[in-house]
Amino acid sequence: MKNEKRVNCFQCRYFYTTWEPSHPRGCKGYGFKTKAMPSMVVLQSSGSPCLKFSPKSK
């Protein structure tokens, strides 16, 4: 893996928590639910870091 900065989904406006025990995390930007962190799923499937990351407004 290249020396890339990891995306923290907890700080992203598209991240959300679901009520499904088998898929507790979701990404509204890409439109999927997963057991792992969404940014890791994007990295593993595309080979590049998440491009939809947008920081939460304070």
PDB file of N, CA and C in Angstrom:
ATOM      1  N   MET A   1       0.844  -1.178   0.000  1.00  0.00           N
ATOM      2  CA  MET A   1       0.000   0.000   0.000  1.00  0.00           C
ATOM      3  C   MET A   1       0.889   1.241   0.000  1.00  0.00           C
ATOM      4  N   LYS A   2       0.530   2.214  -0.763  1.00  0.00           N
ATOM      5  CA  LYS A   2       1.282   3.454  -0.839  1.00  0.00           C
ATOM      6  C   LYS A   2       1.147   4.232   0.459  1.00  0.00           C
ATOM      7  N   ASN A   3       1.986   5.196   0.637  1.00  0.00           N
ATOM      8  CA  ASN A   3       1.964   6.028   1.835  1.00  0.00           C
ATOM      9  C   ASN A   3       0.885   7.107   1.689  1.00  0.00           C
ATOM     10  N   GLU A   4      -0.365   6.681   1.708  1.00  0.00           N
ATOM     11  CA  GLU A   4      -1.494   7.599   1.531  1.00  0.00           C
ATOM     12  C   GLU A   4      -2.174   7.849   2.875  1.00  0.00           C
ATOM     13  N   LYS A   5      -2.773   9.008   3.006  1.00  0.00           N
ATOM     14  CA  LYS A   5      -3.491   9.348   4.221  1.00  0.00           C
ATOM     15  C   LYS A   5      -4.807   8.578   4.251  1.00  0.00           C
ATOM     16  N   ARG A   6      -5.075   7.926   5.373  1.00  0.00           N
ATOM     17  CA  ARG A   6      -6.314   7.169   5.517  1.00  0.00           C
ATOM     18  C   ARG A   6      -7.483   8.118   5.760  1.00  0.00           C
ATOM     19  N   VAL A   7      -8.614   7.743   5.229  1.00  0.00           N
ATOM     20  CA  VAL A   7      -9.832   8.538   5.394  1.00  0.00           C
ATOM     21  C   VAL A   7     -10.543   8.074   6.657  1.00  0.00           C
ATOM     22  N   ASN A   8     -10.901   9.000   7.526  1.00  0.00           N
ATOM     23  CA  ASN A   8     -11.624   8.689   8.753  1.00  0.00           C
ATOM     24  C   ASN A   8     -13.115   8.880   8.491  1.00  0.00           C
ATOM     25  N   CYS A   9     -13.824   7.778   8.335  1.00  0.00           N
ATOM     26  CA  CYS A   9     -15.250   7.838   8.019  1.00  0.00           C
ATOM     27  C   CYS A   9     -16.074   8.544   9.096  1.00  0.00           C
ATOM     28  N   PHE A  10     -15.624   8.461  10.340  1.00  0.00           N
ATOM     29  CA  PHE A  10     -16.364   9.103  11.431  1.00  0.00           C
ATOM     30  C   PHE A  10     -16.401  10.620  11.283  1.00  0.00           C
ATOM     31  N   GLN A  11     -15.492  11.183  10.503  1.00  0.00           N
ATOM     32  CA  GLN A  11     -15.458  12.623  10.289  1.00  0.00           C
ATOM     33  C   GLN A  11     -16.094  13.026   8.964  1.00  0.00           C
ATOM     34  N   CYS A  12     -16.677  12.078   8.251  1.00  0.00           N
ATOM     35  CA  CYS A  12     -17.269  12.347   6.938  1.00  0.00           C
ATOM     36  C   CYS A  12     -18.778  12.574   7.045  1.00  0.00           C
ATOM     37  N   ARG A  13     -19.283  13.507   6.274  1.00  0.00           N
ATOM     38  CA  ARG A  13     -20.726  13.814   6.301  1.00  0.00           C
ATOM     39  C   ARG A  13     -21.574  12.703   5.705  1.00  0.00           C
ATOM     40  N   TYR A  14     -20.992  11.810   4.906  1.00  0.00           N
ATOM     41  CA  TYR A  14     -21.742  10.723   4.266  1.00  0.00           C
ATOM     42  C   TYR A  14     -21.807   9.453   5.105  1.00  0.00           C
ATOM     43  N   PHE A  15     -21.032   9.377   6.165  1.00  0.00           N
ATOM     44  CA  PHE A  15     -21.023   8.189   7.023  1.00  0.00           C
ATOM     45  C   PHE A  15     -22.264   8.168   7.907  1.00  0.00           C
ATOM     46  N   TYR A  16     -22.834   6.975   8.078  1.00  0.00           N
ATOM     47  CA  TYR A  16     -23.952   6.819   9.010  1.00  0.00           C
ATOM     48  C   TYR A  16     -23.949   5.421   9.614  1.00  0.00           C
ATOM     49  N   THR A  17     -24.620   5.292  10.752  1.00  0.00           N
ATOM     50  CA  THR A  17     -24.748   4.012  11.444  1.00  0.00           C
ATOM     51  C   THR A  17     -26.133   3.461  11.163  1.00  0.00           C
ATOM     52  N   THR A  18     -26.189   2.166  10.824  1.00  0.00           N
ATOM     53  CA  THR A  18     -27.466   1.533  10.512  1.00  0.00           C
ATOM     54  C   THR A  18     -27.966   0.737  11.717  1.00  0.00           C
ATOM     55  N   TRP A  19     -29.163   0.214  11.613  1.00  0.00           N
ATOM     56  CA  TRP A  19     -29.732  -0.638  12.652  1.00  0.00           C
ATOM     57  C   TRP A  19     -29.501  -2.112  12.342  1.00  0.00           C
ATOM     58  N   GLU A  20     -28.865  -2.414  11.228  1.00  0.00           N
ATOM     59  CA  GLU A  20     -28.643  -3.798  10.816  1.00  0.00           C
ATOM     60  C   GLU A  20     -27.363  -4.350  11.444  1.00  0.00           C
ATOM     61  N   PRO A  21     -27.463  -5.364  12.293  1.00  0.00           N
ATOM     62  CA  PRO A  21     -26.258  -5.920  12.927  1.00  0.00           C
ATOM     63  C   PRO A  21     -25.250  -6.491  11.918  1.00  0.00           C
ATOM     64  N   SER A  22     -25.721  -6.986  10.790  1.00  0.00           N
ATOM     65  CA  SER A  22     -24.800  -7.559   9.804  1.00  0.00           C
ATOM     66  C   SER A  22     -24.129  -6.490   8.946  1.00  0.00           C
ATOM     67  N   HIS A  23     -24.707  -5.290   8.901  1.00  0.00           N
ATOM     68  CA  HIS A  23     -24.146  -4.167   8.136  1.00  0.00           C
ATOM     69  C   HIS A  23     -24.308  -2.885   8.951  1.00  0.00           C
ATOM     70  N   PRO A  24     -23.490  -2.716   9.998  1.00  0.00           N
ATOM     71  CA  PRO A  24     -23.700  -1.589  10.912  1.00  0.00           C
ATOM     72  C   PRO A  24     -23.235  -0.219  10.425  1.00  0.00           C
ATOM     73  N   ARG A  25     -22.464  -0.177   9.348  1.00  0.00           N
ATOM     74  CA  ARG A  25     -21.950   1.116   8.860  1.00  0.00           C
ATOM     75  C   ARG A  25     -22.375   1.337   7.427  1.00  0.00           C
ATOM     76  N   GLY A  26     -22.598   2.603   7.080  1.00  0.00           N
ATOM     77  CA  GLY A  26     -23.018   2.903   5.721  1.00  0.00           C
ATOM     78  C   GLY A  26     -22.396   4.175   5.182  1.00  0.00           C
ATOM     79  N   CYS A  27     -22.436   4.297   3.860  1.00  0.00           N
ATOM     80  CA  CYS A  27     -21.929   5.475   3.177  1.00  0.00           C
ATOM     81  C   CYS A  27     -23.027   5.997   2.246  1.00  0.00           C
ATOM     82  N   LYS A  28     -23.512   7.189   2.517  1.00  0.00           N
ATOM     83  CA  LYS A  28     -24.535   7.793   1.669  1.00  0.00           C
ATOM     84  C   LYS A  28     -23.948   8.306   0.358  1.00  0.00           C
ATOM     85  N   GLY A  29     -22.663   8.608   0.350  1.00  0.00           N
ATOM     86  CA  GLY A  29     -21.992   9.091  -0.856  1.00  0.00           C
ATOM     87  C   GLY A  29     -21.950   8.027  -1.938  1.00  0.00           C
ATOM     88  N   TYR A  30     -21.592   6.818  -1.561  1.00  0.00           N
ATOM     89  CA  TYR A  30     -21.515   5.710  -2.511  1.00  0.00           C
ATOM     90  C   TYR A  30     -22.773   4.840  -2.483  1.00  0.00           C
ATOM     91  N   GLY A  31     -23.575   4.965  -1.438  1.00  0.00           N
ATOM     92  CA  GLY A  31     -24.838   4.235  -1.369  1.00  0.00           C
ATOM     93  C   GLY A  31     -24.716   2.765  -1.030  1.00  0.00           C
ATOM     94  N   PHE A  32     -23.924   2.426  -0.007  1.00  0.00           N
ATOM     95  CA  PHE A  32     -23.833   1.031   0.412  1.00  0.00           C
ATOM     96  C   PHE A  32     -23.690   0.926   1.922  1.00  0.00           C
ATOM     97  N   LYS A  33     -23.968  -0.282   2.425  1.00  0.00           N
ATOM     98  CA  LYS A  33     -23.813  -0.607   3.844  1.00  0.00           C
ATOM     99  C   LYS A  33     -22.790  -1.725   3.938  1.00  0.00           C
ATOM    100  N   THR A  34     -22.051  -1.749   5.053  1.00  0.00           N
ATOM    101  CA  THR A  34     -20.991  -2.733   5.206  1.00  0.00           C
ATOM    102  C   THR A  34     -20.690  -3.004   6.665  1.00  0.00           C
ATOM    103  N   LYS A  35     -19.995  -4.106   6.913  1.00  0.00           N
ATOM    104  CA  LYS A  35     -19.548  -4.422   8.264  1.00  0.00           C
ATOM    105  C   LYS A  35     -18.240  -3.693   8.572  1.00  0.00           C
ATOM    106  N   ALA A  36     -17.402  -3.497   7.568  1.00  0.00           N
ATOM    107  CA  ALA A  36     -16.116  -2.808   7.724  1.00  0.00           C
ATOM    108  C   ALA A  36     -16.319  -1.300   7.564  1.00  0.00           C
ATOM    109  N   MET A  37     -15.242  -0.561   7.754  1.00  0.00           N
ATOM    110  CA  MET A  37     -15.309   0.878   7.518  1.00  0.00           C
ATOM    111  C   MET A  37     -15.485   1.113   6.017  1.00  0.00           C
ATOM    112  N   PRO A  38     -16.410   1.966   5.618  1.00  0.00           N
ATOM    113  CA  PRO A  38     -16.647   2.198   4.188  1.00  0.00           C
ATOM    114  C   PRO A  38     -15.403   2.632   3.419  1.00  0.00           C
ATOM    115  N   SER A  39     -14.541   3.436   4.023  1.00  0.00           N
ATOM    116  CA  SER A  39     -13.334   3.880   3.320  1.00  0.00           C
ATOM    117  C   SER A  39     -12.416   2.714   2.993  1.00  0.00           C
ATOM    118  N   MET A  40     -12.379   1.702   3.857  1.00  0.00           N
ATOM    119  CA  MET A  40     -11.553   0.527   3.599  1.00  0.00           C
ATOM    120  C   MET A  40     -12.150  -0.325   2.477  1.00  0.00           C
ATOM    121  N   VAL A  41     -13.464  -0.412   2.418  1.00  0.00           N
ATOM    122  CA  VAL A  41     -14.123  -1.152   1.341  1.00  0.00           C
ATOM    123  C   VAL A  41     -13.842  -0.475   0.000  1.00  0.00           C
ATOM    124  N   VAL A  42     -13.917   0.844  -0.035  1.00  0.00           N
ATOM    125  CA  VAL A  42     -13.636   1.592  -1.267  1.00  0.00           C
ATOM    126  C   VAL A  42     -12.184   1.381  -1.683  1.00  0.00           C
ATOM    127  N   LEU A  43     -11.256   1.444  -0.735  1.00  0.00           N
ATOM    128  CA  LEU A  43      -9.841   1.262  -1.040  1.00  0.00           C
ATOM    129  C   LEU A  43      -9.569  -0.146  -1.579  1.00  0.00           C
ATOM    130  N   GLN A  44     -10.174  -1.157  -0.956  1.00  0.00           N
ATOM    131  CA  GLN A  44      -9.954  -2.532  -1.388  1.00  0.00           C
ATOM    132  C   GLN A  44     -10.578  -2.822  -2.751  1.00  0.00           C
ATOM    133  N   SER A  45     -11.729  -2.240  -3.028  1.00  0.00           N
ATOM    134  CA  SER A  45     -12.407  -2.545  -4.292  1.00  0.00           C
ATOM    135  C   SER A  45     -11.905  -1.716  -5.468  1.00  0.00           C
ATOM    136  N   SER A  46     -11.479  -0.479  -5.205  1.00  0.00           N
ATOM    137  CA  SER A  46     -11.058   0.380  -6.312  1.00  0.00           C
ATOM    138  C   SER A  46      -9.536   0.565  -6.392  1.00  0.00           C
ATOM    139  N   GLY A  47      -8.857   0.340  -5.275  1.00  0.00           N
ATOM    140  CA  GLY A  47      -7.417   0.541  -5.251  1.00  0.00           C
ATOM    141  C   GLY A  47      -7.001   1.979  -4.994  1.00  0.00           C
ATOM    142  N   SER A  48      -7.972   2.862  -4.823  1.00  0.00           N
ATOM    143  CA  SER A  48      -7.654   4.261  -4.519  1.00  0.00           C
ATOM    144  C   SER A  48      -8.465   4.695  -3.294  1.00  0.00           C
ATOM    145  N   PRO A  49      -7.985   5.713  -2.578  1.00  0.00           N
ATOM    146  CA  PRO A  49      -8.716   6.161  -1.388  1.00  0.00           C
ATOM    147  C   PRO A  49     -10.074   6.764  -1.758  1.00  0.00           C
ATOM    148  N   CYS A  50     -10.922   6.878  -0.781  1.00  0.00           N
ATOM    149  CA  CYS A  50     -12.271   7.417  -0.984  1.00  0.00           C
ATOM    150  C   CYS A  50     -12.201   8.834  -1.566  1.00  0.00           C
ATOM    151  N   LEU A  51     -12.888   9.042  -2.664  1.00  0.00           N
ATOM    152  CA  LEU A  51     -12.900  10.347  -3.327  1.00  0.00           C
ATOM    153  C   LEU A  51     -14.124  11.183  -2.953  1.00  0.00           C
ATOM    154  N   LYS A  52     -15.056  10.586  -2.216  1.00  0.00           N
ATOM    155  CA  LYS A  52     -16.262  11.312  -1.833  1.00  0.00           C
ATOM    156  C   LYS A  52     -16.192  11.880  -0.419  1.00  0.00           C
ATOM    157  N   PHE A  53     -15.047  11.762   0.235  1.00  0.00           N
ATOM    158  CA  PHE A  53     -14.917  12.270   1.597  1.00  0.00           C
ATOM    159  C   PHE A  53     -15.200  13.761   1.634  1.00  0.00           C
ATOM    160  N   SER A  54     -16.071  14.153   2.556  1.00  0.00           N
ATOM    161  CA  SER A  54     -16.411  15.538   2.774  1.00  0.00           C
ATOM    162  C   SER A  54     -16.544  15.739   4.286  1.00  0.00           C
ATOM    163  N   PRO A  55     -15.736  16.607   4.890  1.00  0.00           N
ATOM    164  CA  PRO A  55     -15.776  16.780   6.342  1.00  0.00           C
ATOM    165  C   PRO A  55     -17.151  17.251   6.826  1.00  0.00           C
ATOM    166  N   LYS A  56     -17.522  16.789   8.009  1.00  0.00           N
ATOM    167  CA  LYS A  56     -18.773  17.227   8.627  1.00  0.00           C
ATOM    168  C   LYS A  56     -18.666  18.700   8.958  1.00  0.00           C
ATOM    169  N   SER A  57     -19.766  19.416   8.814  1.00  0.00           N
ATOM    170  CA  SER A  57     -19.762  20.830   9.190  1.00  0.00           C
ATOM    171  C   SER A  57     -19.837  20.924  10.710  1.00  0.00           C
ATOM    172  N   LYS A  58     -19.191  21.915  11.259  1.00  0.00           N
ATOM    173  CA  LYS A  58     -19.135  22.061  12.722  1.00  0.00           C
ATOM    174  C   LYS A  58     -20.192  22.970  13.234  1.00  0.00           C
TER     175      LYS A  58
END
